[in-house]
Amino acid sequence: MKADVEVVFCFDEKKELYDGYRPSHLIDGKNLTTGVHHYFDSGLSQNTVKGTITFIAPEDYPNSLKIGDKIDMFEGSKKIGFAEILEIFNPILGRNESIR
């Protein structure tokens, strides 16, 4: 499974993290989709860790992300934190700011 984005995960509460965790992510403020997490390290701080997300069906929300975007993460209806985009690997998802 190839990652779509590299991020810094920021959780509202300290969590036990494991590769394969699949919360929902609010893309572009309107598309709620599942993403599979992979973590690079045990944490930059108590609630923060770098890693990647592989989204389900990224072709359904093309041109929706840019570096620096913060996307909210959810378990059911509970917001659990956000992921800040560091790098976009999947060109389908990248938003070209010069196109209007």
N, C-alpha and C. Protein backbone atom coordinates (compact mmCIF):
# COMPACT_ATOMS: atom_id res chain seq x y z
N MET A 1 0.84 -1.17 0.00
CA MET A 1 0.00 0.00 0.00
C MET A 1 0.89 1.24 0.00
N LYS A 2 0.75 2.09 -0.99
CA LYS A 2 1.59 3.26 -1.14
C LYS A 2 0.94 4.46 -0.44
N ALA A 3 1.73 5.18 0.34
CA ALA A 3 1.23 6.34 1.09
C ALA A 3 0.86 7.49 0.15
N ASP A 4 -0.20 8.22 0.52
CA ASP A 4 -0.62 9.39 -0.24
C ASP A 4 0.03 10.67 0.27
N VAL A 5 0.20 10.78 1.59
CA VAL A 5 0.76 11.99 2.19
C VAL A 5 1.64 11.65 3.38
N GLU A 6 2.60 12.54 3.65
CA GLU A 6 3.37 12.50 4.89
C GLU A 6 2.83 13.61 5.78
N VAL A 7 2.67 13.32 7.06
CA VAL A 7 2.03 14.27 7.98
C VAL A 7 2.70 14.26 9.35
N VAL A 8 2.32 15.26 10.14
CA VAL A 8 2.54 15.23 11.57
C VAL A 8 1.16 15.03 12.18
N PHE A 9 0.97 13.93 12.90
CA PHE A 9 -0.29 13.66 13.59
C PHE A 9 -0.26 14.38 14.93
N CYS A 10 -1.33 15.08 15.27
CA CYS A 10 -1.47 15.75 16.56
C CYS A 10 -2.77 15.25 17.19
N PHE A 11 -2.64 14.41 18.21
CA PHE A 11 -3.80 13.83 18.87
C PHE A 11 -4.21 14.67 20.08
N ASP A 12 -5.53 14.80 20.30
CA ASP A 12 -6.05 15.57 21.43
C ASP A 12 -5.66 14.94 22.76
N GLU A 13 -5.55 13.62 22.79
CA GLU A 13 -5.17 12.89 24.00
C GLU A 13 -4.07 11.90 23.62
N LYS A 14 -3.24 11.54 24.58
CA LYS A 14 -2.19 10.55 24.33
C LYS A 14 -2.85 9.23 23.93
N LYS A 15 -2.36 8.63 22.86
CA LYS A 15 -2.93 7.38 22.34
C LYS A 15 -1.83 6.34 22.22
N GLU A 16 -2.22 5.09 22.35
CA GLU A 16 -1.33 4.00 22.00
C GLU A 16 -1.43 3.86 20.48
N LEU A 17 -0.33 4.06 19.78
CA LEU A 17 -0.34 4.08 18.32
C LEU A 17 0.14 2.77 17.75
N TYR A 18 -0.46 2.38 16.65
CA TYR A 18 -0.04 1.17 15.95
C TYR A 18 -0.28 1.36 14.46
N ASP A 19 0.64 0.84 13.65
CA ASP A 19 0.47 0.90 12.20
C ASP A 19 -0.82 0.19 11.82
N GLY A 20 -1.51 0.77 10.86
CA GLY A 20 -2.77 0.20 10.40
C GLY A 20 -3.99 0.83 11.03
N TYR A 21 -3.80 1.76 11.98
CA TYR A 21 -4.92 2.48 12.59
C TYR A 21 -5.67 3.21 11.49
N ARG A 22 -7.02 3.20 11.52
CA ARG A 22 -7.83 3.71 10.42
C ARG A 22 -8.93 4.66 10.87
N PRO A 23 -8.59 5.83 11.36
CA PRO A 23 -9.65 6.78 11.68
C PRO A 23 -10.19 7.45 10.42
N SER A 24 -11.23 8.24 10.58
CA SER A 24 -11.77 9.03 9.47
C SER A 24 -11.04 10.37 9.42
N HIS A 25 -10.96 10.94 8.22
CA HIS A 25 -10.28 12.21 8.00
C HIS A 25 -11.20 13.13 7.20
N LEU A 26 -11.31 14.38 7.63
CA LEU A 26 -12.15 15.35 6.92
C LEU A 26 -11.28 16.10 5.91
N ILE A 27 -11.43 15.73 4.65
CA ILE A 27 -10.64 16.29 3.56
C ILE A 27 -11.37 17.49 2.97
N ASP A 28 -10.67 18.59 2.83
CA ASP A 28 -11.21 19.79 2.17
C ASP A 28 -12.48 20.31 2.85
N GLY A 29 -12.65 19.99 4.13
CA GLY A 29 -13.79 20.48 4.90
C GLY A 29 -15.13 19.87 4.54
N LYS A 30 -15.14 18.89 3.61
CA LYS A 30 -16.44 18.34 3.19
C LYS A 30 -16.43 16.84 2.91
N ASN A 31 -15.26 16.25 2.69
CA ASN A 31 -15.18 14.82 2.36
C ASN A 31 -14.62 14.04 3.55
N LEU A 32 -15.43 13.17 4.13
CA LEU A 32 -15.00 12.33 5.24
C LEU A 32 -14.61 10.96 4.69
N THR A 33 -13.35 10.58 4.89
CA THR A 33 -12.84 9.34 4.32
C THR A 33 -11.92 8.63 5.29
N THR A 34 -11.80 7.34 5.14
CA THR A 34 -10.89 6.56 5.97
C THR A 34 -9.48 6.65 5.41
N GLY A 35 -8.51 6.62 6.31
CA GLY A 35 -7.11 6.60 5.92
C GLY A 35 -6.34 5.66 6.83
N VAL A 36 -5.40 4.94 6.26
CA VAL A 36 -4.58 4.00 7.01
C VAL A 36 -3.30 4.71 7.45
N HIS A 37 -3.01 4.68 8.75
CA HIS A 37 -1.83 5.36 9.29
C HIS A 37 -0.63 4.42 9.37
N HIS A 38 0.55 5.01 9.13
CA HIS A 38 1.83 4.36 9.39
C HIS A 38 2.66 5.40 10.14
N TYR A 39 3.30 4.98 11.25
CA TYR A 39 4.05 5.91 12.10
C TYR A 39 5.54 5.69 11.95
N PHE A 40 6.31 6.82 11.89
CA PHE A 40 7.76 6.77 11.73
C PHE A 40 8.50 6.60 13.04
N ASP A 41 7.96 7.17 14.11
CA ASP A 41 8.66 7.16 15.38
C ASP A 41 7.66 7.12 16.51
N SER A 42 8.16 7.10 17.74
CA SER A 42 7.27 6.97 18.90
C SER A 42 6.70 8.30 19.35
N GLY A 43 7.07 9.38 18.72
CA GLY A 43 6.46 10.65 19.06
C GLY A 43 7.44 11.80 19.13
N LEU A 44 7.01 12.93 18.64
CA LEU A 44 7.80 14.14 18.73
C LEU A 44 7.55 14.82 20.07
N SER A 45 6.38 14.62 20.62
CA SER A 45 6.01 15.06 21.96
C SER A 45 4.99 14.05 22.46
N GLN A 46 4.33 14.35 23.53
CA GLN A 46 3.39 13.37 24.11
C GLN A 46 2.28 12.97 23.15
N ASN A 47 1.78 13.90 22.37
CA ASN A 47 0.62 13.61 21.53
C ASN A 47 0.90 13.78 20.05
N THR A 48 2.16 13.87 19.66
CA THR A 48 2.52 14.20 18.29
C THR A 48 3.48 13.16 17.72
N VAL A 49 3.25 12.78 16.45
CA VAL A 49 4.12 11.80 15.81
C VAL A 49 4.08 12.01 14.29
N LYS A 50 5.21 11.78 13.62
CA LYS A 50 5.26 11.85 12.15
C LYS A 50 4.87 10.51 11.56
N GLY A 51 4.32 10.56 10.36
CA GLY A 51 3.96 9.33 9.68
C GLY A 51 3.32 9.60 8.34
N THR A 52 2.63 8.61 7.82
CA THR A 52 1.97 8.73 6.51
C THR A 52 0.51 8.29 6.63
N ILE A 53 -0.27 8.72 5.64
CA ILE A 53 -1.66 8.28 5.50
C ILE A 53 -1.86 7.77 4.08
N THR A 54 -2.51 6.63 3.97
CA THR A 54 -2.97 6.11 2.69
C THR A 54 -4.49 6.20 2.72
N PHE A 55 -5.06 7.05 1.87
CA PHE A 55 -6.50 7.29 1.87
C PHE A 55 -7.24 6.26 1.02
N ILE A 56 -8.50 6.05 1.37
CA ILE A 56 -9.39 5.21 0.57
C ILE A 56 -9.93 6.09 -0.57
N ALA A 57 -9.82 5.64 -1.79
CA ALA A 57 -10.38 6.29 -2.98
C ALA A 57 -10.02 7.77 -3.12
N PRO A 58 -8.72 8.11 -3.15
CA PRO A 58 -8.35 9.53 -3.29
C PRO A 58 -8.83 10.17 -4.59
N GLU A 59 -9.14 9.36 -5.58
CA GLU A 59 -9.65 9.91 -6.84
C GLU A 59 -11.03 10.57 -6.66
N ASP A 60 -11.70 10.29 -5.54
CA ASP A 60 -13.01 10.89 -5.28
C ASP A 60 -12.91 12.32 -4.75
N TYR A 61 -11.72 12.77 -4.35
CA TYR A 61 -11.53 14.15 -3.87
C TYR A 61 -10.20 14.71 -4.41
N PRO A 62 -10.11 14.82 -5.75
CA PRO A 62 -8.87 15.30 -6.38
C PRO A 62 -8.61 16.77 -6.06
N ASN A 63 -7.34 17.17 -6.15
CA ASN A 63 -6.92 18.57 -5.96
C ASN A 63 -7.44 19.17 -4.67
N SER A 64 -7.43 18.38 -3.59
CA SER A 64 -8.05 18.82 -2.34
C SER A 64 -7.07 19.17 -1.23
N LEU A 65 -5.77 18.91 -1.41
CA LEU A 65 -4.80 19.14 -0.33
C LEU A 65 -3.62 19.97 -0.80
N LYS A 66 -3.05 20.71 0.15
CA LYS A 66 -1.78 21.40 -0.10
C LYS A 66 -0.93 21.29 1.16
N ILE A 67 0.36 21.46 1.00
CA ILE A 67 1.27 21.39 2.14
C ILE A 67 0.88 22.46 3.15
N GLY A 68 0.83 22.06 4.41
CA GLY A 68 0.42 22.96 5.49
C GLY A 68 -1.03 22.82 5.90
N ASP A 69 -1.86 22.17 5.06
CA ASP A 69 -3.26 21.93 5.43
C ASP A 69 -3.32 21.10 6.70
N LYS A 70 -4.33 21.37 7.51
CA LYS A 70 -4.60 20.56 8.70
C LYS A 70 -5.95 19.89 8.50
N ILE A 71 -5.94 18.55 8.54
CA ILE A 71 -7.18 17.80 8.34
C ILE A 71 -7.57 17.14 9.65
N ASP A 72 -8.82 17.35 10.05
CA ASP A 72 -9.32 16.78 11.30
C ASP A 72 -9.47 15.28 11.18
N MET A 73 -9.23 14.58 12.31
CA MET A 73 -9.36 13.13 12.39
C MET A 73 -10.46 12.78 13.39
N PHE A 74 -11.21 11.72 13.09
CA PHE A 74 -12.35 11.33 13.91
C PHE A 74 -12.38 9.83 14.17
N GLU A 75 -12.89 9.46 15.35
CA GLU A 75 -13.33 8.09 15.67
C GLU A 75 -14.83 8.22 15.85
N GLY A 76 -15.59 7.74 14.88
CA GLY A 76 -17.03 7.96 14.90
C GLY A 76 -17.28 9.45 14.81
N SER A 77 -18.08 10.01 15.73
CA SER A 77 -18.37 11.44 15.72
C SER A 77 -17.40 12.24 16.60
N LYS A 78 -16.48 11.55 17.29
CA LYS A 78 -15.55 12.22 18.21
C LYS A 78 -14.29 12.66 17.47
N LYS A 79 -14.00 13.97 17.51
CA LYS A 79 -12.76 14.49 16.93
C LYS A 79 -11.62 14.08 17.85
N ILE A 80 -10.58 13.47 17.26
CA ILE A 80 -9.46 12.96 18.06
C ILE A 80 -8.17 13.73 17.82
N GLY A 81 -8.18 14.68 16.89
CA GLY A 81 -6.99 15.46 16.59
C GLY A 81 -6.97 15.87 15.13
N PHE A 82 -5.76 16.16 14.65
CA PHE A 82 -5.62 16.55 13.24
C PHE A 82 -4.28 16.07 12.72
N ALA A 83 -4.15 16.09 11.40
CA ALA A 83 -2.90 15.76 10.73
C ALA A 83 -2.51 16.94 9.86
N GLU A 84 -1.27 17.42 10.01
CA GLU A 84 -0.78 18.53 9.19
C GLU A 84 0.04 17.96 8.04
N ILE A 85 -0.31 18.35 6.82
CA ILE A 85 0.33 17.84 5.62
C ILE A 85 1.75 18.40 5.47
N LEU A 86 2.74 17.50 5.40
CA LEU A 86 4.13 17.88 5.18
C LEU A 86 4.55 17.69 3.73
N GLU A 87 4.06 16.60 3.12
CA GLU A 87 4.42 16.27 1.74
C GLU A 87 3.28 15.49 1.12
N ILE A 88 3.05 15.70 -0.17
CA ILE A 88 2.01 15.00 -0.92
C ILE A 88 2.69 14.10 -1.94
N PHE A 89 2.50 12.79 -1.80
CA PHE A 89 3.10 11.82 -2.72
C PHE A 89 2.19 11.52 -3.91
N ASN A 90 0.87 11.56 -3.69
CA ASN A 90 -0.10 11.23 -4.72
C ASN A 90 -0.50 12.50 -5.47
N PRO A 91 -0.10 12.64 -6.74
CA PRO A 91 -0.39 13.88 -7.48
C PRO A 91 -1.88 14.14 -7.67
N ILE A 92 -2.71 13.14 -7.56
CA ILE A 92 -4.17 13.34 -7.67
C ILE A 92 -4.66 14.29 -6.57
N LEU A 93 -4.06 14.19 -5.39
CA LEU A 93 -4.54 14.95 -4.24
C LEU A 93 -4.02 16.39 -4.19
N GLY A 94 -2.88 16.66 -4.83
CA GLY A 94 -2.25 17.97 -4.73
C GLY A 94 -3.05 19.06 -5.39
N ARG A 95 -3.18 20.17 -4.68
CA ARG A 95 -3.91 21.33 -5.20
C ARG A 95 -2.91 22.33 -5.76
N ASN A 96 -3.06 22.66 -7.01
CA ASN A 96 -2.18 23.65 -7.66
C ASN A 96 -2.78 25.03 -7.43
N GLU A 97 -2.11 25.81 -6.58
CA GLU A 97 -2.64 27.12 -6.19
C GLU A 97 -2.69 28.11 -7.34
N SER A 98 -1.96 27.85 -8.44
CA SER A 98 -1.97 28.79 -9.56
C SER A 98 -3.18 28.58 -10.47
N ILE A 99 -3.89 27.48 -10.29
CA ILE A 99 -5.08 27.23 -11.10
C ILE A 99 -6.30 27.73 -10.33
N ARG A 100 -7.11 28.56 -10.94
CA ARG A 100 -8.30 29.11 -10.26
C ARG A 100 -9.52 28.90 -11.11
